[in-house]
Amino acid sequence: MSKIKLFLIATAIVIGIGGAIASRPTALCENQTQYFQWGTSYFPAGQYGTDYVCLSSAGVCTFYRPNPMDPKGYVPCRTGTFEWVELKRTGR
């Protein structure tokens, strides 16, 4: 009986540690600076919803740099088609 108790306690500890590690907050790519690709170059996209949106499609909308020290390290982040938001004139 004590071997079963010991097994259950050990299992509970392992599951608890695994759950704590799995629920640890990670830096989402959406929180990083976003870039759009134009030809073979990448440019800062601005703020999502204000400067650009990603329309629903199967392509890659924006990229980010997980390692800023790597000049060619652009990785896909948002899916869709990149489109600039039109600026509305206020009449001034």
N, C-alpha and C. Protein backbone atom coordinates (compact mmCIF):
# COMPACT_ATOMS: atom_id res chain seq x y z
N MET A 1 0.82 -1.19 0.00
CA MET A 1 0.00 0.00 0.00
C MET A 1 0.87 1.26 0.00
N SER A 2 1.99 1.24 0.71
CA SER A 2 2.82 2.43 0.78
C SER A 2 3.52 2.68 -0.55
N LYS A 3 3.79 1.62 -1.35
CA LYS A 3 4.39 1.81 -2.67
C LYS A 3 3.41 2.52 -3.60
N ILE A 4 2.14 2.20 -3.49
CA ILE A 4 1.13 2.85 -4.32
C ILE A 4 1.01 4.32 -3.93
N LYS A 5 1.03 4.61 -2.62
CA LYS A 5 0.96 5.99 -2.14
C LYS A 5 2.16 6.78 -2.65
N LEU A 6 3.34 6.20 -2.54
CA LEU A 6 4.57 6.87 -2.98
C LEU A 6 4.51 7.14 -4.49
N PHE A 7 4.02 6.19 -5.25
CA PHE A 7 3.87 6.37 -6.69
C PHE A 7 2.90 7.50 -7.01
N LEU A 8 1.77 7.54 -6.33
CA LEU A 8 0.79 8.59 -6.58
C LEU A 8 1.31 9.97 -6.20
N ILE A 9 2.03 10.07 -5.11
CA ILE A 9 2.60 11.35 -4.69
C ILE A 9 3.65 11.82 -5.70
N ALA A 10 4.50 10.89 -6.14
CA ALA A 10 5.53 11.24 -7.12
C ALA A 10 4.89 11.69 -8.43
N THR A 11 3.84 11.00 -8.84
CA THR A 11 3.13 11.37 -10.06
C THR A 11 2.51 12.76 -9.93
N ALA A 12 1.91 13.05 -8.80
CA ALA A 12 1.31 14.36 -8.57
C ALA A 12 2.37 15.47 -8.61
N ILE A 13 3.54 15.21 -8.06
CA ILE A 13 4.62 16.21 -8.08
C ILE A 13 5.09 16.46 -9.50
N VAL A 14 5.29 15.39 -10.26
CA VAL A 14 5.75 15.53 -11.64
C VAL A 14 4.71 16.28 -12.48
N ILE A 15 3.45 15.96 -12.31
CA ILE A 15 2.39 16.65 -13.05
C ILE A 15 2.33 18.13 -12.64
N GLY A 16 2.50 18.42 -11.37
CA GLY A 16 2.50 19.80 -10.89
C GLY A 16 3.64 20.61 -11.47
N ILE A 17 4.83 20.04 -11.50
CA ILE A 17 5.98 20.74 -12.07
C ILE A 17 5.78 20.94 -13.57
N GLY A 18 5.30 19.90 -14.25
CA GLY A 18 5.05 20.02 -15.69
C GLY A 18 4.02 21.08 -16.00
N GLY A 19 2.96 21.14 -15.20
CA GLY A 19 1.94 22.16 -15.41
C GLY A 19 2.46 23.56 -15.17
N ALA A 20 3.32 23.73 -14.18
CA ALA A 20 3.90 25.04 -13.90
C ALA A 20 4.79 25.50 -15.04
N ILE A 21 5.56 24.59 -15.59
CA ILE A 21 6.44 24.95 -16.71
C ILE A 21 5.61 25.24 -17.96
N ALA A 22 4.60 24.44 -18.21
CA ALA A 22 3.77 24.62 -19.41
C ALA A 22 2.96 25.91 -19.38
N SER A 23 2.58 26.38 -18.20
CA SER A 23 1.75 27.58 -18.12
C SER A 23 2.59 28.85 -17.94
N ARG A 24 3.89 28.71 -17.99
CA ARG A 24 4.78 29.87 -17.86
C ARG A 24 4.56 30.80 -19.05
N PRO A 25 4.42 32.11 -18.83
CA PRO A 25 4.18 33.02 -19.94
C PRO A 25 5.38 33.07 -20.88
N THR A 26 5.12 33.09 -22.17
CA THR A 26 6.17 33.19 -23.17
C THR A 26 5.97 34.46 -23.98
N ALA A 27 7.04 34.93 -24.56
CA ALA A 27 6.95 36.14 -25.39
C ALA A 27 6.32 35.76 -26.72
N LEU A 28 5.11 36.22 -26.96
CA LEU A 28 4.43 35.94 -28.21
C LEU A 28 5.03 36.77 -29.33
N CYS A 29 5.00 36.22 -30.52
CA CYS A 29 5.59 36.95 -31.63
C CYS A 29 4.83 38.25 -31.91
N GLU A 30 3.51 38.28 -31.59
CA GLU A 30 2.74 39.49 -31.82
C GLU A 30 3.20 40.66 -30.96
N ASN A 31 3.89 40.37 -29.86
CA ASN A 31 4.39 41.42 -28.97
C ASN A 31 5.74 41.97 -29.43
N GLN A 32 6.34 41.34 -30.42
CA GLN A 32 7.63 41.79 -30.95
C GLN A 32 7.39 42.77 -32.10
N THR A 33 8.43 43.49 -32.52
CA THR A 33 8.34 44.38 -33.67
C THR A 33 8.02 43.55 -34.91
N GLN A 34 6.99 43.97 -35.64
CA GLN A 34 6.56 43.24 -36.84
C GLN A 34 7.17 43.88 -38.09
N TYR A 35 7.52 43.03 -39.05
CA TYR A 35 8.09 43.47 -40.32
C TYR A 35 7.27 42.88 -41.46
N PHE A 36 7.16 43.64 -42.56
CA PHE A 36 6.54 43.09 -43.76
C PHE A 36 7.61 42.92 -44.82
N GLN A 37 7.41 41.98 -45.69
CA GLN A 37 8.38 41.68 -46.73
C GLN A 37 7.99 42.36 -48.03
N TRP A 38 8.94 43.04 -48.62
CA TRP A 38 8.73 43.65 -49.92
C TRP A 38 9.90 43.23 -50.79
N GLY A 39 9.64 42.32 -51.71
CA GLY A 39 10.71 41.74 -52.51
C GLY A 39 11.57 40.87 -51.62
N THR A 40 12.86 41.20 -51.53
CA THR A 40 13.77 40.44 -50.67
C THR A 40 14.13 41.23 -49.41
N SER A 41 13.47 42.37 -49.19
CA SER A 41 13.77 43.22 -48.04
C SER A 41 12.63 43.18 -47.03
N TYR A 42 12.94 43.54 -45.78
CA TYR A 42 11.96 43.58 -44.70
C TYR A 42 11.94 44.99 -44.12
N PHE A 43 10.72 45.49 -43.83
CA PHE A 43 10.55 46.83 -43.30
C PHE A 43 9.62 46.79 -42.09
N PRO A 44 9.81 47.68 -41.11
CA PRO A 44 8.90 47.71 -39.96
C PRO A 44 7.47 47.99 -40.42
N ALA A 45 6.52 47.24 -39.87
CA ALA A 45 5.13 47.33 -40.31
C ALA A 45 4.33 48.36 -39.53
N GLY A 46 4.74 48.72 -38.35
CA GLY A 46 3.97 49.65 -37.54
C GLY A 46 3.10 48.90 -36.54
N GLN A 47 1.99 49.50 -36.17
CA GLN A 47 1.10 48.93 -35.15
C GLN A 47 -0.09 48.25 -35.82
N TYR A 48 -0.37 47.01 -35.39
CA TYR A 48 -1.47 46.24 -35.97
C TYR A 48 -2.80 46.92 -35.68
N GLY A 49 -3.63 47.03 -36.70
CA GLY A 49 -4.94 47.65 -36.54
C GLY A 49 -4.92 49.15 -36.76
N THR A 50 -3.78 49.78 -36.55
CA THR A 50 -3.64 51.22 -36.76
C THR A 50 -2.96 51.51 -38.10
N ASP A 51 -1.84 50.84 -38.33
CA ASP A 51 -1.07 51.05 -39.56
C ASP A 51 -1.33 49.97 -40.61
N TYR A 52 -1.58 48.74 -40.17
CA TYR A 52 -1.79 47.64 -41.11
C TYR A 52 -2.74 46.62 -40.51
N VAL A 53 -3.27 45.76 -41.37
CA VAL A 53 -4.08 44.62 -40.95
C VAL A 53 -3.65 43.41 -41.78
N CYS A 54 -4.00 42.24 -41.31
CA CYS A 54 -3.72 41.00 -42.02
C CYS A 54 -5.06 40.42 -42.47
N LEU A 55 -5.30 40.44 -43.78
CA LEU A 55 -6.53 39.89 -44.32
C LEU A 55 -6.45 38.37 -44.35
N SER A 56 -7.57 37.73 -44.20
CA SER A 56 -7.61 36.27 -44.12
C SER A 56 -7.18 35.63 -45.43
N SER A 57 -6.08 34.89 -45.38
CA SER A 57 -5.59 34.09 -46.50
C SER A 57 -4.55 33.12 -45.97
N ALA A 58 -3.98 32.34 -46.84
CA ALA A 58 -3.05 31.29 -46.41
C ALA A 58 -1.60 31.75 -46.38
N GLY A 59 -1.31 32.98 -46.76
CA GLY A 59 0.07 33.45 -46.84
C GLY A 59 0.60 33.93 -45.50
N VAL A 60 1.80 34.50 -45.55
CA VAL A 60 2.43 35.09 -44.36
C VAL A 60 2.24 36.59 -44.42
N CYS A 61 1.68 37.15 -43.38
CA CYS A 61 1.41 38.59 -43.33
C CYS A 61 2.63 39.35 -42.81
N THR A 62 3.10 39.00 -41.62
CA THR A 62 4.24 39.71 -41.03
C THR A 62 5.26 38.72 -40.49
N PHE A 63 6.44 39.25 -40.28
CA PHE A 63 7.56 38.49 -39.75
C PHE A 63 8.06 39.18 -38.49
N TYR A 64 8.84 38.48 -37.69
CA TYR A 64 9.51 39.08 -36.54
C TYR A 64 10.91 38.51 -36.44
N ARG A 65 11.72 39.10 -35.58
CA ARG A 65 13.10 38.66 -35.41
C ARG A 65 13.28 38.11 -34.00
N PRO A 66 13.31 36.79 -33.82
CA PRO A 66 13.50 36.23 -32.49
C PRO A 66 14.89 36.53 -31.93
N ASN A 67 15.87 36.69 -32.82
CA ASN A 67 17.22 37.03 -32.39
C ASN A 67 17.63 38.32 -33.11
N PRO A 68 17.53 39.48 -32.44
CA PRO A 68 17.84 40.75 -33.10
C PRO A 68 19.29 40.86 -33.58
N MET A 69 20.17 40.02 -33.07
CA MET A 69 21.57 40.07 -33.49
C MET A 69 21.80 39.38 -34.83
N ASP A 70 20.83 38.61 -35.30
CA ASP A 70 20.93 37.91 -36.58
C ASP A 70 20.24 38.76 -37.65
N PRO A 71 21.01 39.40 -38.57
CA PRO A 71 20.39 40.31 -39.55
C PRO A 71 19.48 39.62 -40.56
N LYS A 72 19.60 38.31 -40.73
CA LYS A 72 18.76 37.60 -41.69
C LYS A 72 17.77 36.67 -41.00
N GLY A 73 17.54 36.87 -39.73
CA GLY A 73 16.72 35.95 -38.95
C GLY A 73 15.27 36.35 -38.85
N TYR A 74 14.59 36.54 -39.97
CA TYR A 74 13.16 36.87 -39.96
C TYR A 74 12.35 35.58 -39.98
N VAL A 75 11.38 35.48 -39.07
CA VAL A 75 10.56 34.28 -38.92
C VAL A 75 9.09 34.68 -39.08
N PRO A 76 8.28 33.88 -39.81
CA PRO A 76 6.86 34.23 -39.96
C PRO A 76 6.14 34.32 -38.62
N CYS A 77 5.23 35.29 -38.51
CA CYS A 77 4.46 35.47 -37.27
C CYS A 77 2.97 35.41 -37.57
N ARG A 78 2.43 36.44 -38.19
CA ARG A 78 0.99 36.49 -38.48
C ARG A 78 0.72 35.91 -39.87
N THR A 79 -0.41 35.23 -39.99
CA THR A 79 -0.79 34.69 -41.29
C THR A 79 -1.80 35.63 -41.95
N GLY A 80 -1.88 35.56 -43.26
CA GLY A 80 -2.81 36.38 -44.01
C GLY A 80 -2.10 37.18 -45.08
N THR A 81 -2.78 38.19 -45.57
CA THR A 81 -2.22 39.09 -46.58
C THR A 81 -2.06 40.46 -45.96
N PHE A 82 -0.85 41.02 -46.06
CA PHE A 82 -0.55 42.33 -45.49
C PHE A 82 -1.27 43.42 -46.26
N GLU A 83 -1.92 44.34 -45.54
CA GLU A 83 -2.57 45.48 -46.18
C GLU A 83 -2.49 46.69 -45.25
N TRP A 84 -2.09 47.82 -45.85
CA TRP A 84 -2.04 49.06 -45.09
C TRP A 84 -3.46 49.53 -44.77
N VAL A 85 -3.62 50.19 -43.62
CA VAL A 85 -4.89 50.81 -43.25
C VAL A 85 -4.91 52.20 -43.87
N GLU A 86 -5.99 52.54 -44.53
CA GLU A 86 -6.10 53.86 -45.14
C GLU A 86 -6.26 54.91 -44.05
N LEU A 87 -5.56 55.98 -44.21
CA LEU A 87 -5.67 57.11 -43.28
C LEU A 87 -6.87 57.94 -43.69
N LYS A 88 -7.76 58.20 -42.76
CA LYS A 88 -8.96 58.99 -43.05
C LYS A 88 -8.64 60.46 -42.81
N ARG A 89 -9.01 61.28 -43.75
CA ARG A 89 -8.78 62.71 -43.62
C ARG A 89 -9.85 63.32 -42.72
N THR A 90 -9.40 64.24 -41.85
CA THR A 90 -10.33 64.86 -40.90
C THR A 90 -10.90 66.18 -41.44
N GLY A 91 -10.47 66.60 -42.62
CA GLY A 91 -10.98 67.84 -43.20
C GLY A 91 -10.20 69.07 -42.79
N ARG A 92 -9.10 68.88 -42.14
CA ARG A 92 -8.27 70.04 -41.73
C ARG A 92 -7.30 70.41 -42.80
